[in-house]
Amino acid sequence: MKSKSELKSKSTRTNKAKPLANQLNAAEAKAHFSRMIHLASRGESFLIAKAGTPVAKVVPPDAPRKFKVGWGIGILTDEQLAALAAAIAAPLPEDVLARLHDVGKFAGKPLK
């Protein structure tokens, strides 16, 4: 019979989880889904297999793309830039404005 100190030392041990395999079957993936998501957020990826054949992949998301100011410089000529600026600054045609102001009245009718 084990002494109280032996039982106590066993109960105070920390439970370190075993690392997940890179390929899991569907039942294992279901059982460890939250952990897989957590690890994926830290850069790990996992294959989920059915009968040994990979059918799905859990991967970390792509890093968000940052908008880069000036990315389009040099694509348009000066004339094209002027035409674009004029088109943006121009007022909308009356029929488009009417549709924006009274959507219900013109619903379903194509623009002319």
N, C-alpha and C. Protein backbone atom coordinates (compact mmCIF):
# COMPACT_ATOMS: atom_id res chain seq x y z
N MET A 1 0.84 -1.18 0.00
CA MET A 1 0.00 0.00 0.00
C MET A 1 0.89 1.24 0.00
N LYS A 2 0.45 2.26 -0.76
CA LYS A 2 1.24 3.48 -0.90
C LYS A 2 0.97 4.41 0.28
N SER A 3 2.02 5.12 0.65
CA SER A 3 1.88 6.07 1.74
C SER A 3 1.16 7.33 1.25
N LYS A 4 0.70 8.14 2.20
CA LYS A 4 0.01 9.37 1.86
C LYS A 4 0.91 10.33 1.09
N SER A 5 2.18 10.37 1.43
CA SER A 5 3.11 11.27 0.73
C SER A 5 3.30 10.85 -0.72
N GLU A 6 3.31 9.53 -0.99
CA GLU A 6 3.42 9.06 -2.37
C GLU A 6 2.18 9.43 -3.17
N LEU A 7 1.00 9.26 -2.55
CA LEU A 7 -0.24 9.61 -3.22
C LEU A 7 -0.32 11.11 -3.47
N LYS A 8 0.13 11.90 -2.47
CA LYS A 8 0.08 13.34 -2.60
C LYS A 8 1.00 13.83 -3.71
N SER A 9 2.20 13.27 -3.79
CA SER A 9 3.15 13.71 -4.81
C SER A 9 2.63 13.38 -6.21
N LYS A 10 1.91 12.28 -6.34
CA LYS A 10 1.35 11.92 -7.64
C LYS A 10 0.23 12.89 -8.05
N SER A 11 -0.58 13.31 -7.10
CA SER A 11 -1.71 14.18 -7.42
C SER A 11 -1.27 15.61 -7.70
N THR A 12 -0.11 16.03 -7.20
CA THR A 12 0.34 17.40 -7.43
C THR A 12 1.20 17.53 -8.68
N ARG A 13 1.45 16.43 -9.37
CA ARG A 13 2.22 16.51 -10.61
C ARG A 13 1.43 17.29 -11.66
N THR A 14 2.17 18.01 -12.47
CA THR A 14 1.49 18.72 -13.55
C THR A 14 1.26 17.77 -14.71
N ASN A 15 0.11 17.86 -15.30
CA ASN A 15 -0.24 17.03 -16.44
C ASN A 15 0.21 17.72 -17.71
N LYS A 16 1.32 17.33 -18.27
CA LYS A 16 1.77 17.92 -19.52
C LYS A 16 1.17 17.11 -20.67
N ALA A 17 0.49 17.79 -21.54
CA ALA A 17 -0.15 17.13 -22.67
C ALA A 17 0.90 16.67 -23.67
N LYS A 18 0.64 15.51 -24.24
CA LYS A 18 1.54 15.01 -25.28
C LYS A 18 1.39 15.88 -26.51
N PRO A 19 2.49 16.09 -27.24
CA PRO A 19 2.37 16.88 -28.47
C PRO A 19 1.48 16.15 -29.48
N LEU A 20 0.74 16.92 -30.25
CA LEU A 20 -0.13 16.33 -31.26
C LEU A 20 0.69 15.93 -32.48
N ALA A 21 0.28 14.84 -33.10
CA ALA A 21 0.92 14.41 -34.35
C ALA A 21 0.52 15.38 -35.45
N ASN A 22 1.31 15.43 -36.51
CA ASN A 22 0.97 16.31 -37.63
C ASN A 22 -0.20 15.77 -38.44
N GLN A 23 -0.46 14.45 -38.35
CA GLN A 23 -1.61 13.86 -39.03
C GLN A 23 -2.45 13.12 -38.00
N LEU A 24 -3.73 13.45 -37.95
CA LEU A 24 -4.65 12.83 -37.01
C LEU A 24 -5.83 12.26 -37.77
N ASN A 25 -6.44 11.20 -37.21
CA ASN A 25 -7.66 10.72 -37.83
C ASN A 25 -8.81 11.61 -37.36
N ALA A 26 -9.97 11.45 -37.94
CA ALA A 26 -11.09 12.35 -37.67
C ALA A 26 -11.50 12.33 -36.20
N ALA A 27 -11.50 11.16 -35.57
CA ALA A 27 -11.89 11.08 -34.16
C ALA A 27 -10.88 11.81 -33.27
N GLU A 28 -9.60 11.66 -33.56
CA GLU A 28 -8.58 12.37 -32.78
C GLU A 28 -8.71 13.88 -32.99
N ALA A 29 -8.95 14.28 -34.22
CA ALA A 29 -9.09 15.71 -34.52
C ALA A 29 -10.28 16.30 -33.76
N LYS A 30 -11.37 15.54 -33.71
CA LYS A 30 -12.56 16.00 -32.99
C LYS A 30 -12.26 16.13 -31.50
N ALA A 31 -11.54 15.15 -30.96
CA ALA A 31 -11.23 15.16 -29.53
C ALA A 31 -10.27 16.28 -29.15
N HIS A 32 -9.40 16.69 -30.06
CA HIS A 32 -8.37 17.69 -29.76
C HIS A 32 -8.56 18.98 -30.57
N PHE A 33 -9.79 19.25 -31.02
CA PHE A 33 -10.01 20.37 -31.92
C PHE A 33 -9.59 21.71 -31.32
N SER A 34 -9.98 21.99 -30.10
CA SER A 34 -9.62 23.27 -29.47
C SER A 34 -8.11 23.43 -29.39
N ARG A 35 -7.43 22.36 -29.05
CA ARG A 35 -5.98 22.41 -28.96
C ARG A 35 -5.35 22.62 -30.33
N MET A 36 -5.91 21.97 -31.36
CA MET A 36 -5.40 22.16 -32.72
C MET A 36 -5.54 23.61 -33.15
N ILE A 37 -6.68 24.22 -32.86
CA ILE A 37 -6.91 25.62 -33.22
C ILE A 37 -5.91 26.52 -32.50
N HIS A 38 -5.70 26.25 -31.23
CA HIS A 38 -4.72 27.05 -30.46
C HIS A 38 -3.33 26.92 -31.07
N LEU A 39 -2.93 25.70 -31.39
CA LEU A 39 -1.60 25.49 -31.97
C LEU A 39 -1.49 26.07 -33.37
N ALA A 40 -2.58 26.02 -34.13
CA ALA A 40 -2.57 26.61 -35.47
C ALA A 40 -2.39 28.12 -35.38
N SER A 41 -2.97 28.73 -34.36
CA SER A 41 -2.80 30.18 -34.19
C SER A 41 -1.36 30.53 -33.87
N ARG A 42 -0.59 29.55 -33.44
CA ARG A 42 0.83 29.75 -33.15
C ARG A 42 1.74 29.26 -34.27
N GLY A 43 1.14 28.92 -35.42
CA GLY A 43 1.94 28.60 -36.59
C GLY A 43 2.00 27.14 -37.00
N GLU A 44 1.42 26.23 -36.23
CA GLU A 44 1.47 24.80 -36.59
C GLU A 44 0.35 24.45 -37.56
N SER A 45 0.55 23.39 -38.34
CA SER A 45 -0.50 22.92 -39.24
C SER A 45 -0.69 21.42 -39.04
N PHE A 46 -1.90 20.95 -39.34
CA PHE A 46 -2.27 19.56 -39.11
C PHE A 46 -3.04 19.01 -40.30
N LEU A 47 -2.83 17.73 -40.60
CA LEU A 47 -3.61 17.02 -41.60
C LEU A 47 -4.63 16.16 -40.87
N ILE A 48 -5.85 16.14 -41.38
CA ILE A 48 -6.88 15.27 -40.84
C ILE A 48 -7.13 14.19 -41.90
N ALA A 49 -7.04 12.94 -41.47
CA ALA A 49 -7.13 11.82 -42.40
C ALA A 49 -8.38 10.98 -42.13
N LYS A 50 -8.84 10.35 -43.19
CA LYS A 50 -9.94 9.39 -43.09
C LYS A 50 -9.43 8.11 -43.71
N ALA A 51 -9.37 7.07 -42.93
CA ALA A 51 -8.82 5.78 -43.36
C ALA A 51 -7.39 5.94 -43.88
N GLY A 52 -6.63 6.82 -43.23
CA GLY A 52 -5.23 7.00 -43.60
C GLY A 52 -4.99 7.96 -44.76
N THR A 53 -6.06 8.44 -45.40
CA THR A 53 -5.92 9.34 -46.54
C THR A 53 -6.23 10.77 -46.09
N PRO A 54 -5.29 11.70 -46.26
CA PRO A 54 -5.56 13.08 -45.85
C PRO A 54 -6.76 13.66 -46.60
N VAL A 55 -7.70 14.25 -45.84
CA VAL A 55 -8.89 14.84 -46.44
C VAL A 55 -9.07 16.31 -46.10
N ALA A 56 -8.36 16.79 -45.08
CA ALA A 56 -8.49 18.20 -44.68
C ALA A 56 -7.19 18.66 -44.04
N LYS A 57 -7.03 19.98 -44.00
CA LYS A 57 -5.83 20.55 -43.42
C LYS A 57 -6.21 21.73 -42.54
N VAL A 58 -5.66 21.78 -41.33
CA VAL A 58 -5.83 22.93 -40.44
C VAL A 58 -4.52 23.70 -40.49
N VAL A 59 -4.59 24.94 -40.94
CA VAL A 59 -3.38 25.75 -41.11
C VAL A 59 -3.57 27.10 -40.44
N PRO A 60 -2.47 27.75 -40.08
CA PRO A 60 -2.60 29.09 -39.52
C PRO A 60 -3.08 30.06 -40.60
N PRO A 61 -3.78 31.11 -40.19
CA PRO A 61 -4.25 32.09 -41.18
C PRO A 61 -3.08 32.86 -41.76
N ASP A 62 -3.29 33.37 -42.97
CA ASP A 62 -2.28 34.23 -43.57
C ASP A 62 -2.17 35.49 -42.74
N ALA A 63 -0.99 36.06 -42.73
CA ALA A 63 -0.82 37.33 -42.04
C ALA A 63 -1.66 38.38 -42.75
N PRO A 64 -2.32 39.25 -42.00
CA PRO A 64 -3.13 40.27 -42.66
C PRO A 64 -2.26 41.15 -43.55
N ARG A 65 -2.78 41.41 -44.72
CA ARG A 65 -2.03 42.23 -45.66
C ARG A 65 -2.20 43.70 -45.31
N LYS A 66 -1.12 44.41 -45.34
CA LYS A 66 -1.17 45.83 -45.04
C LYS A 66 -1.28 46.61 -46.34
N PHE A 67 -2.06 47.68 -46.30
CA PHE A 67 -2.21 48.54 -47.46
C PHE A 67 -0.91 49.31 -47.63
N LYS A 68 -0.42 49.31 -48.83
CA LYS A 68 0.83 49.99 -49.12
C LYS A 68 0.54 51.26 -49.90
N VAL A 69 0.83 52.40 -49.31
CA VAL A 69 0.59 53.68 -49.97
C VAL A 69 1.52 53.79 -51.17
N GLY A 70 0.96 54.20 -52.30
CA GLY A 70 1.77 54.41 -53.48
C GLY A 70 2.00 53.17 -54.32
N TRP A 71 1.26 52.10 -54.06
CA TRP A 71 1.50 50.85 -54.81
C TRP A 71 1.19 51.01 -56.29
N GLY A 72 0.30 51.93 -56.65
CA GLY A 72 -0.10 52.08 -58.05
C GLY A 72 0.64 53.16 -58.82
N ILE A 73 1.64 53.76 -58.17
CA ILE A 73 2.38 54.82 -58.85
C ILE A 73 3.06 54.26 -60.09
N GLY A 74 2.89 54.95 -61.21
CA GLY A 74 3.53 54.52 -62.45
C GLY A 74 2.67 53.63 -63.32
N ILE A 75 1.52 53.19 -62.82
CA ILE A 75 0.66 52.31 -63.61
C ILE A 75 -0.13 53.13 -64.63
N LEU A 76 -0.67 54.28 -64.19
CA LEU A 76 -1.47 55.13 -65.07
C LEU A 76 -0.63 56.31 -65.56
N THR A 77 -0.93 56.73 -66.78
CA THR A 77 -0.28 57.93 -67.31
C THR A 77 -0.91 59.16 -66.66
N ASP A 78 -0.31 60.31 -66.84
CA ASP A 78 -0.86 61.55 -66.29
C ASP A 78 -2.26 61.82 -66.84
N GLU A 79 -2.47 61.54 -68.13
CA GLU A 79 -3.78 61.76 -68.74
C GLU A 79 -4.82 60.82 -68.12
N GLN A 80 -4.43 59.56 -67.89
CA GLN A 80 -5.36 58.61 -67.29
C GLN A 80 -5.69 58.99 -65.86
N LEU A 81 -4.70 59.47 -65.12
CA LEU A 81 -4.95 59.93 -63.75
C LEU A 81 -5.91 61.12 -63.73
N ALA A 82 -5.73 62.05 -64.66
CA ALA A 82 -6.61 63.21 -64.74
C ALA A 82 -8.04 62.78 -65.08
N ALA A 83 -8.19 61.82 -66.02
CA ALA A 83 -9.51 61.32 -66.39
C ALA A 83 -10.17 60.60 -65.21
N LEU A 84 -9.39 59.84 -64.47
CA LEU A 84 -9.91 59.13 -63.30
C LEU A 84 -10.37 60.12 -62.24
N ALA A 85 -9.56 61.12 -61.97
CA ALA A 85 -9.92 62.14 -60.98
C ALA A 85 -11.20 62.88 -61.39
N ALA A 86 -11.33 63.18 -62.68
CA ALA A 86 -12.53 63.87 -63.17
C ALA A 86 -13.76 62.98 -63.02
N ALA A 87 -13.62 61.70 -63.31
CA ALA A 87 -14.75 60.78 -63.19
C ALA A 87 -15.18 60.63 -61.74
N ILE A 88 -14.23 60.62 -60.83
CA ILE A 88 -14.56 60.51 -59.40
C ILE A 88 -15.26 61.77 -58.92
N ALA A 89 -14.81 62.93 -59.38
CA ALA A 89 -15.36 64.21 -58.94
C ALA A 89 -16.69 64.55 -59.61
N ALA A 90 -16.99 63.92 -60.73
CA ALA A 90 -18.20 64.25 -61.48
C ALA A 90 -19.45 63.85 -60.70
N PRO A 91 -20.53 64.63 -60.83
CA PRO A 91 -21.78 64.25 -60.16
C PRO A 91 -22.38 63.00 -60.82
N LEU A 92 -23.17 62.29 -60.03
CA LEU A 92 -23.83 61.10 -60.56
C LEU A 92 -24.97 61.52 -61.49
N PRO A 93 -25.27 60.70 -62.50
CA PRO A 93 -26.40 61.00 -63.39
C PRO A 93 -27.71 61.02 -62.59
N GLU A 94 -28.68 61.80 -63.09
CA GLU A 94 -29.96 61.98 -62.38
C GLU A 94 -30.69 60.66 -62.13
N ASP A 95 -30.69 59.75 -63.12
CA ASP A 95 -31.43 58.49 -62.92
C ASP A 95 -30.80 57.65 -61.80
N VAL A 96 -29.49 57.71 -61.66
CA VAL A 96 -28.82 56.97 -60.57
C VAL A 96 -29.16 57.62 -59.23
N LEU A 97 -29.13 58.95 -59.18
CA LEU A 97 -29.49 59.65 -57.95
C LEU A 97 -30.93 59.34 -57.55
N ALA A 98 -31.83 59.31 -58.54
CA ALA A 98 -33.24 59.01 -58.25
C ALA A 98 -33.37 57.61 -57.65
N ARG A 99 -32.65 56.67 -58.19
CA ARG A 99 -32.70 55.30 -57.65
C ARG A 99 -32.14 55.24 -56.24
N LEU A 100 -31.13 56.01 -55.95
CA LEU A 100 -30.57 56.03 -54.61
C LEU A 100 -31.53 56.65 -53.61
N HIS A 101 -32.27 57.67 -54.02
CA HIS A 101 -33.19 58.36 -53.13
C HIS A 101 -34.50 57.60 -52.95
N ASP A 102 -34.92 56.85 -53.94
CA ASP A 102 -36.20 56.17 -53.87
C ASP A 102 -36.04 54.73 -54.37
N VAL A 103 -35.37 53.94 -53.60
CA VAL A 103 -35.06 52.57 -54.02
C VAL A 103 -36.33 51.76 -54.26
N GLY A 104 -37.32 51.89 -53.40
CA GLY A 104 -38.54 51.11 -53.53
C GLY A 104 -39.28 51.36 -54.82
N LYS A 105 -39.28 52.58 -55.30
CA LYS A 105 -40.02 52.96 -56.50
C LYS A 105 -39.40 52.34 -57.75
N PHE A 106 -38.08 52.19 -57.77
CA PHE A 106 -37.39 51.69 -58.95
C PHE A 106 -36.85 50.27 -58.77
N ALA A 107 -37.22 49.61 -57.72
CA ALA A 107 -36.67 48.28 -57.43
C ALA A 107 -36.91 47.32 -58.59
N GLY A 108 -35.89 46.65 -59.00
CA GLY A 108 -35.99 45.63 -60.04
C GLY A 108 -35.89 46.14 -61.45
N LYS A 109 -35.86 47.46 -61.67
CA LYS A 109 -35.75 48.01 -63.02
C LYS A 109 -34.28 48.24 -63.34
N PRO A 110 -33.85 47.83 -64.54
CA PRO A 110 -32.44 48.04 -64.89
C PRO A 110 -32.14 49.50 -65.17
N LEU A 111 -30.87 49.87 -64.95
CA LEU A 111 -30.43 51.22 -65.27
C LEU A 111 -30.42 51.40 -66.79
N LYS A 112 -30.74 52.62 -67.27
CA LYS A 112 -30.73 52.87 -68.71
C LYS A 112 -29.46 53.55 -69.10
